[in-house]
Protein backbone atom coordinates (compact mmCIF):
# COMPACT_ATOMS: atom_id res chain seq x y z
CA MET A 1 -14.96 9.17 31.25
CA ASP A 2 -11.72 6.96 30.33
CA ARG A 3 -11.79 5.87 26.80
CA PRO A 4 -11.43 1.90 26.16
CA PRO A 5 -7.69 1.23 24.83
CA PRO A 6 -7.52 0.67 20.68
CA ARG A 7 -7.79 -2.63 19.53
CA GLY A 8 -6.42 -4.23 16.60
CA ILE A 9 -4.13 -6.55 14.96
CA VAL A 10 -0.45 -6.26 13.16
CA VAL A 11 0.59 -8.65 10.80
CA THR A 12 3.86 -8.85 9.77
CA ARG A 13 6.71 -11.18 8.31
CA TYR A 14 8.57 -14.12 10.30
CA GLY A 15 11.21 -12.45 12.65
CA HIS A 16 9.92 -8.93 12.23
CA GLY A 17 7.27 -8.38 15.10
CA LEU A 18 8.05 -6.58 18.16
CA ASP A 19 5.83 -6.68 21.38
CA LEU A 20 3.14 -4.55 21.57
CA ARG A 21 0.93 -2.79 24.44
CA HIS A 22 -2.38 -3.18 23.24
CA ILE A 23 -2.08 -4.32 19.64
CA GLU A 24 -1.57 -8.12 18.89
CA CYS A 25 1.35 -8.67 16.58
CA ILE A 26 1.29 -11.70 14.08
CA GLU A 27 3.94 -12.88 12.21
CA ALA A 28 3.61 -14.91 8.55
CA SER A 29 5.17 -15.43 5.44
CA HIS A 30 6.33 -13.30 2.84
CA PRO A 31 6.55 -13.11 -0.25
CA VAL A 32 4.42 -16.23 -0.79
CA PRO A 33 1.61 -16.28 1.93
CA ASP A 34 0.77 -19.11 4.24
CA ALA A 35 -1.82 -20.22 6.60
CA ALA A 36 -0.52 -17.93 9.64
CA GLY A 37 -1.57 -14.58 6.99
CA GLN A 38 -4.63 -16.51 6.25
CA ALA A 39 -5.71 -16.50 9.59
CA ALA A 40 -4.50 -13.25 10.57
CA ALA A 41 -6.36 -11.63 7.38
CA GLN A 42 -9.56 -13.47 8.36
CA ARG A 43 -9.38 -11.89 11.62
CA LEU A 44 -8.63 -8.63 10.27
CA PHE A 45 -11.68 -8.64 8.12
CA GLU A 46 -14.14 -9.51 10.80
CA LEU A 47 -12.84 -6.96 12.69
CA ALA A 48 -13.66 -4.19 9.96
CA GLN A 49 -17.27 -6.19 9.57
CA SER A 50 -18.35 -5.24 13.08
CA LEU A 51 -17.55 -1.74 13.13
CA GLN A 52 -20.62 0.70 13.24
CA ALA A 53 -20.78 4.01 11.67
CA SER A 54 -19.47 6.03 14.88
CA ASP A 55 -16.21 4.22 14.92
CA HIS A 56 -12.75 4.76 13.08
CA LEU A 57 -10.55 2.01 11.72
CA VAL A 58 -7.01 3.47 11.12
CA VAL A 59 -4.80 1.22 8.73
CA LEU A 60 -1.01 1.17 8.75
CA LEU A 61 -0.11 0.00 5.09
CA SER A 62 3.14 -0.93 3.48
CA GLY A 63 4.69 -2.75 0.91
CA GLY A 64 4.32 -6.68 2.21
CA GLY A 65 0.87 -6.49 2.80
CA SER A 66 -0.11 -8.38 -0.39
CA ALA A 67 1.21 -11.57 1.06
CA LEU A 68 1.02 -10.94 4.45
CA LEU A 69 -2.72 -10.62 4.24
CA SER A 70 -3.96 -13.19 2.03
CA LEU A 71 -7.69 -13.89 2.63
CA PRO A 72 -8.80 -16.32 -0.94
CA ALA A 73 -12.05 -15.05 -2.26
CA THR A 74 -14.97 -17.68 -1.89
CA GLY A 75 -14.46 -20.75 -3.56
CA LEU A 76 -10.76 -20.68 -3.94
CA ARG A 77 -7.81 -22.08 -1.73
CA LEU A 78 -4.50 -20.98 -0.31
CA GLU A 79 -3.08 -23.85 -2.01
CA ASP A 80 -4.08 -21.79 -5.61
CA LYS A 81 -2.96 -18.64 -4.31
CA GLN A 82 0.42 -19.90 -2.95
CA VAL A 83 1.11 -21.47 -6.94
CA LEU A 84 0.16 -18.23 -8.24
CA SER A 85 2.29 -16.32 -6.62
CA GLU A 86 5.28 -18.21 -6.81
CA SER A 87 4.91 -18.24 -10.34
CA LEU A 88 4.08 -14.60 -11.01
CA LEU A 89 7.33 -14.02 -8.66
CA ARG A 90 9.56 -16.08 -10.85
CA CYS A 91 8.19 -14.95 -14.53
CA GLY A 92 9.31 -11.31 -14.38
CA ALA A 93 6.09 -9.42 -14.26
CA ASP A 94 6.35 -6.16 -12.22
CA ILE A 95 4.95 -5.59 -9.12
CA GLY A 96 1.58 -3.97 -10.50
CA GLU A 97 0.60 -6.54 -12.49
CA ILE A 98 1.09 -8.98 -9.94
CA ASN A 99 -0.89 -7.22 -7.53
CA CYS A 100 -3.33 -6.82 -9.90
CA VAL A 101 -4.05 -10.98 -10.32
CA ARG A 102 -4.00 -10.83 -6.45
CA LYS A 103 -6.60 -8.20 -6.11
CA HIS A 104 -8.89 -10.10 -8.23
CA LEU A 105 -8.36 -13.53 -6.06
CA SER A 106 -8.97 -12.26 -2.63
CA ALA A 107 -11.69 -11.43 -0.24
CA ILE A 108 -9.83 -8.30 1.45
CA LYS A 109 -7.99 -6.69 -0.83
CA GLY A 110 -8.70 -4.12 -3.89
CA GLY A 111 -10.72 -2.03 -1.47
CA GLN A 112 -12.65 -4.98 -0.12
CA LEU A 113 -11.02 -4.37 3.88
CA ALA A 114 -12.98 -0.91 3.59
CA VAL A 115 -16.15 -2.17 2.35
CA ALA A 116 -16.00 -4.77 4.85
CA ALA A 117 -15.42 -1.65 7.19
CA SER A 118 -18.48 0.58 6.06
CA PRO A 119 -20.29 2.53 7.11
CA ALA A 120 -17.33 3.67 9.51
CA ARG A 121 -14.81 5.93 8.91
CA VAL A 122 -11.59 4.75 7.68
CA SER A 123 -8.07 6.19 7.44
CA SER A 124 -5.16 4.73 5.72
CA LEU A 125 -1.56 5.68 6.40
CA ILE A 126 0.79 4.48 3.82
CA ILE A 127 4.44 3.53 3.26
CA SER A 128 5.20 3.66 -0.40
CA ASP A 129 6.74 0.75 -2.15
CA VAL A 130 5.70 0.90 -5.43
CA VAL A 131 6.36 3.37 -8.47
CA GLY A 132 4.34 5.92 -9.04
CA ASP A 133 3.14 5.81 -5.11
CA ASP A 134 -0.29 4.21 -6.17
CA PRO A 135 -2.32 3.46 -3.17
CA THR A 136 -4.01 1.15 -5.40
CA THR A 137 -1.16 -0.99 -6.01
CA ILE A 138 0.51 -0.60 -2.54
CA ALA A 139 0.06 -3.93 -0.35
CA SER A 140 -3.07 -4.49 -3.51
CA GLY A 141 -4.74 -1.42 -2.04
CA PRO A 142 -7.16 -2.81 0.84
CA THR A 143 -8.66 0.72 1.44
CA ALA A 144 -8.75 1.82 -2.03
CA ALA A 145 -11.15 1.59 -4.95
CA ASP A 146 -9.40 -0.82 -7.71
CA PRO A 147 -9.24 0.41 -11.52
CA THR A 148 -8.19 -3.00 -12.61
CA THR A 149 -10.54 -5.68 -13.67
CA LEU A 150 -11.27 -9.05 -13.82
CA ALA A 151 -10.06 -9.01 -17.33
CA ASP A 152 -6.70 -7.17 -16.69
CA ALA A 153 -6.01 -10.11 -14.38
CA ARG A 154 -6.59 -12.94 -16.90
CA GLU A 155 -4.41 -11.05 -19.41
CA VAL A 156 -1.55 -10.87 -17.01
CA LEU A 157 -1.51 -14.69 -16.43
CA SER A 158 -1.95 -15.63 -20.18
CA ARG A 159 0.77 -13.01 -20.87
CA TYR A 160 3.52 -14.83 -18.82
CA GLY A 161 1.97 -18.35 -19.82
CA ILE A 162 0.89 -19.46 -16.38
CA ALA A 163 -0.93 -22.29 -15.73
CA VAL A 164 -4.30 -21.55 -13.92
CA PRO A 165 -6.27 -23.91 -11.79
CA PRO A 166 -10.05 -24.66 -12.57
CA ALA A 167 -10.98 -22.80 -9.36
CA VAL A 168 -9.63 -19.68 -10.65
CA GLN A 169 -10.27 -19.65 -14.28
CA ARG A 170 -14.05 -20.18 -13.03
CA HIS A 171 -13.82 -16.94 -10.27
CA LEU A 172 -12.10 -14.84 -12.77
CA ALA A 173 -14.93 -15.51 -15.49
CA ASN A 174 -17.25 -14.54 -12.75
CA PRO A 175 -18.35 -11.02 -13.19
CA ALA A 176 -19.80 -10.79 -9.52
CA ALA A 177 -16.07 -11.45 -8.37
CA GLU A 178 -15.25 -7.81 -9.44
CA THR A 179 -13.69 -5.45 -7.03
CA PRO A 180 -15.19 -2.18 -5.83
CA LYS A 181 -14.29 0.41 -8.57
CA PRO A 182 -13.84 4.42 -8.06
CA GLY A 183 -17.07 6.12 -7.45
CA ASP A 184 -18.30 3.19 -5.00
CA THR A 185 -20.07 4.70 -2.15
CA ARG A 186 -19.15 2.71 -0.10
CA LEU A 187 -15.72 3.98 -0.15
CA ALA A 188 -16.74 7.63 0.34
CA GLY A 189 -15.93 7.31 4.06
CA VAL A 190 -11.97 6.53 3.58
CA ASP A 191 -9.06 8.82 3.48
CA ASN A 192 -5.63 7.24 2.22
CA GLN A 193 -2.58 9.33 2.99
CA LEU A 194 0.94 8.83 1.76
CA ILE A 195 3.52 9.20 4.59
CA ALA A 196 6.58 7.57 3.30
CA THR A 197 7.80 7.32 -0.16
CA PRO A 198 11.04 6.32 -2.26
CA GLN A 199 11.58 9.95 -3.40
CA ALA A 200 11.92 10.99 0.12
CA SER A 201 14.01 8.32 0.71
CA LEU A 202 16.42 9.42 -2.24
CA GLU A 203 16.43 13.15 -1.06
CA ALA A 204 17.50 12.27 2.03
CA MET A 205 20.38 10.25 0.65
CA ALA A 206 21.13 13.33 -1.67
CA VAL A 207 21.53 15.92 1.25
CA CYS A 208 24.09 13.11 3.28
CA ALA A 209 26.06 13.23 -0.16
CA ARG A 210 26.35 16.71 -0.31
CA SER A 211 27.13 17.04 3.20
CA ARG A 212 30.10 14.96 2.15
CA GLY A 213 31.09 17.06 -0.88
CA ILE A 214 29.76 14.44 -3.19
CA THR A 215 27.32 15.48 -5.92
CA PRO A 216 24.03 13.57 -5.93
CA ILE A 217 22.26 12.62 -9.04
CA ILE A 218 18.91 11.33 -8.68
CA LEU A 219 18.15 9.14 -11.70
CA GLY A 220 14.56 8.51 -10.73
CA ASP A 221 12.09 6.65 -7.73
CA ALA A 222 10.74 4.65 -10.29
CA ILE A 223 13.34 2.68 -12.39
CA GLU A 224 11.86 -0.90 -13.27
CA GLY A 225 12.95 -3.81 -15.72
CA GLU A 226 15.04 -6.54 -15.89
CA ALA A 227 17.47 -6.42 -12.93
CA ARG A 228 20.53 -7.08 -14.63
CA GLU A 229 19.74 -5.24 -17.65
CA VAL A 230 19.32 -2.36 -15.33
CA GLY A 231 22.46 -2.93 -13.66
CA ARG A 232 24.20 -2.97 -17.41
CA VAL A 233 22.51 0.46 -17.89
CA MET A 234 23.61 2.03 -14.35
CA ALA A 235 26.92 0.51 -15.54
CA GLY A 236 26.98 2.51 -18.47
CA ILE A 237 25.83 5.69 -16.99
CA ALA A 238 28.70 5.15 -14.10
CA ARG A 239 31.55 5.04 -16.75
CA GLN A 240 30.13 7.91 -18.49
CA ALA A 241 30.59 9.89 -15.10
CA ALA A 242 34.09 8.20 -14.57
CA ARG A 243 35.59 9.07 -17.96
CA HIS A 244 33.64 12.16 -19.43
CA HIS A 245 32.45 13.52 -15.97
CA GLN A 246 28.67 13.58 -17.33
CA PRO A 247 26.19 13.86 -16.04
CA ALA A 248 28.55 15.25 -12.87
CA ALA A 249 32.50 14.75 -12.55
CA PRO A 250 33.60 12.78 -9.58
CA PRO A 251 33.37 12.34 -6.98
CA CYS A 252 29.00 11.92 -7.61
CA VAL A 253 27.14 9.26 -6.65
CA LEU A 254 24.01 7.94 -8.74
CA LEU A 255 20.96 7.41 -6.50
CA SER A 256 18.02 5.46 -7.76
CA GLY A 257 14.96 3.57 -6.34
CA GLY A 258 11.87 1.28 -7.52
CA GLU A 259 11.57 -2.15 -8.14
CA THR A 260 13.04 -4.53 -10.97
CA SER A 261 12.27 -7.80 -11.56
CA VAL A 262 14.01 -11.22 -11.94
CA THR A 263 12.90 -13.79 -14.71
CA VAL A 264 13.87 -16.96 -12.90
CA ARG A 265 15.80 -19.65 -14.83
CA GLY A 266 18.60 -20.92 -12.38
CA GLY A 267 18.60 -22.67 -9.34
CA GLY A 268 20.38 -20.23 -7.07
CA ARG A 269 19.49 -18.08 -4.62
CA GLY A 270 18.76 -14.12 -4.17
CA GLY A 271 16.88 -11.35 -4.70
CA ARG A 272 16.43 -8.43 -7.30
CA ASN A 273 19.16 -6.31 -5.63
CA LEU A 274 21.77 -8.90 -6.11
CA GLU A 275 20.94 -9.71 -9.61
CA PHE A 276 21.08 -6.16 -10.13
CA LEU A 277 24.67 -5.79 -8.59
CA LEU A 278 25.77 -9.08 -10.41
CA GLY A 279 25.02 -7.83 -13.72
CA LEU A 280 26.34 -4.20 -12.85
CA ALA A 281 29.78 -5.59 -11.78
CA ILE A 282 30.10 -7.70 -14.96
CA ALA A 283 29.41 -4.79 -17.28
CA LEU A 284 31.51 -2.35 -15.14
CA ASP A 285 34.35 -4.99 -15.23
CA GLY A 286 36.60 -3.71 -12.76
CA ALA A 287 36.23 0.01 -13.53
CA GLU A 288 38.31 2.07 -11.42
CA SER A 289 36.89 4.34 -8.90
CA VAL A 290 33.32 2.88 -8.97
CA TYR A 291 31.78 1.53 -6.05
CA ALA A 292 27.84 0.57 -5.70
CA LEU A 293 25.52 -0.31 -2.82
CA ALA A 294 21.66 -1.98 -3.64
CA GLY A 295 19.37 -3.31 -0.98
CA ASP A 296 15.55 -3.51 -0.12
CA SER A 297 14.87 -0.95 2.61
CA ASP A 298 13.06 -3.46 4.66
CA GLY A 299 16.43 -5.46 5.59
CA ILE A 300 15.39 -8.29 3.13
CA ASP A 301 16.33 -8.85 -0.78
CA GLY A 302 13.69 -11.41 -1.77
CA SER A 303 13.37 -14.46 0.98
CA GLU A 304 16.65 -14.32 2.33
CA ASP A 305 18.83 -12.97 5.09
CA ASN A 306 20.38 -9.83 3.38
CA ALA A 307 19.10 -6.73 2.46
CA GLY A 308 21.53 -6.40 -0.44
CA ALA A 309 25.33 -6.40 -1.09
CA ILE A 310 28.05 -3.77 -2.20
CA VAL A 311 30.41 -4.13 -5.17
CA THR A 312 33.85 -2.78 -5.66
CA PRO A 313 36.57 -1.93 -8.41
CA ALA A 314 37.87 -5.53 -7.06
CA THR A 315 35.07 -7.41 -7.06
CA LEU A 316 35.34 -9.91 -9.98
CA ALA A 317 39.08 -10.16 -9.33
CA ARG A 318 38.66 -11.45 -5.88
CA ALA A 319 35.72 -13.67 -7.35
CA HIS A 320 38.39 -15.08 -10.07
CA GLU A 321 40.98 -15.56 -7.26
CA ALA A 322 38.22 -17.49 -5.10
CA GLY A 323 37.10 -19.84 -8.07
CA LEU A 324 34.16 -18.06 -8.83
CA ASP A 325 32.50 -17.08 -12.42
CA PRO A 326 30.03 -14.34 -12.33
CA ARG A 327 28.26 -15.00 -15.45
CA ASP A 328 27.94 -18.85 -14.45
CA ARG A 329 26.53 -17.22 -11.29
CA LEU A 330 24.38 -14.92 -13.17
CA ALA A 331 22.80 -17.70 -15.73
CA ASP A 332 21.71 -19.61 -12.64
CA ASN A 333 20.35 -16.16 -10.79
CA ASP A 334 22.82 -17.12 -8.15
CA GLY A 335 23.65 -13.65 -6.61
CA TYR A 336 23.31 -14.82 -2.96
CA GLY A 337 26.11 -17.31 -3.40
CA PHE A 338 28.19 -15.01 -5.38
CA PHE A 339 28.31 -12.48 -2.83
CA ALA A 340 27.85 -14.49 0.27
CA ALA A 341 31.35 -16.31 -0.84
CA LEU A 342 33.08 -12.72 -1.27
CA ASP A 343 31.64 -11.73 2.43
CA ASP A 344 29.75 -8.47 0.42
CA LEU A 345 26.34 -9.19 1.37
CA VAL A 346 24.81 -6.32 3.60
CA VAL A 347 22.61 -7.62 6.66
CA THR A 348 20.86 -5.50 8.56
CA GLY A 349 18.29 -7.06 9.63
CA PRO A 350 14.66 -5.96 10.29
CA THR A 351 14.56 -2.01 9.51
CA ARG A 352 10.73 -1.93 9.92
CA THR A 353 10.03 -0.03 7.02
CA ASN A 354 9.84 -0.21 3.31
CA VAL A 355 9.97 2.45 0.87
CA ASN A 356 11.27 -0.06 -1.86
CA ASP A 357 14.86 -0.91 -3.21
CA LEU A 358 17.52 1.90 -2.98
CA ARG A 359 20.84 1.72 -5.00
CA ALA A 360 23.49 4.08 -4.82
CA ILE A 361 26.57 4.26 -7.00
CA LEU A 362 29.49 6.28 -6.29
CA ILE A 363 32.00 7.63 -8.49
CA ALA A 364 34.98 8.50 -6.57
CA GLY A 365 38.26 10.38 -7.30
CA PRO A 366 38.93 14.31 -7.53
CA PRO A 367 36.89 16.54 -9.85
CA ALA A 368 37.36 17.37 -13.18
CA GLN A 369 40.36 20.26 -13.72
CA PRO A 370 39.43 23.11 -15.48
CA ASP A 371 40.30 23.57 -18.85
CA SER A 372 43.75 25.33 -18.97
CA GLN A 373 42.79 27.14 -22.53
């Protein structure tokens, strides 16, 4: 007897959907959730609740799921989550802190989707976009036990001085609202497997560089911090390679991944990769033979239409000719306006994968000559 076709739902951001044969594809908002994402999350949750012990739920997870699967916990409104999401994204909090709060305001995150499916078998195939590849953080871990607590969520909101609506305060103070923890027997039938990671992407980039006679230097897949400051540090490493041939002689390329953060103080546009590149360009100050590319692997840097941008030794000179002040643009968090005016944005369209941000800084030129003495 023929088996019935699989049934299910895929939720992705607007403009990234595909026509599928058996699976319904729904588009919703990212990085701030909307009603379409809430409705899709409700349907996914109800689908999980309908399963029997003989069923098998296959969950495909990648970064972005935190915003796309937004199902407020009982007593909370979508508007509460939208306001808090915007505040967390603008205050400089890292993704672990943001997702700690998200999990504790949700009915589906922090292992709760898997609990809803119990006793069915659950297999999650996960593309990592977070530092450390932690399944409890990726997409806020809907199928993973949550080691963070309500107290942790309250502490994050307090640390960043974020105004908390009364309903959220009551929810975070209610012990009954705690997420499932490691050892919860309802999660015994869950198998979480990583199928793609930032490190694997960096290693692939390194292979590509070697094939072109360029020495790759992988600085790490877990680079965090304020984006503009990370740019300054990377500029220092690039200058060391260009001037002193350390940690490698040119031609070499500095490769890194991870997720920086941006503390928004201005009114400009742009994501963390453009903020990084603008900080890098200012610190390099036109250094010869240094070129850079940074972008988000999903094709969208923040909420704009670009994946990232490029920096060359001529970036600041061209900006001056165009009447652009890079420091003013950085102060206004306007990396998009800066690089768009130079026609240096990188626009790929949806890549339909997400292994976090990827950065490559090329130090060009001939290798160092051997010492004659």
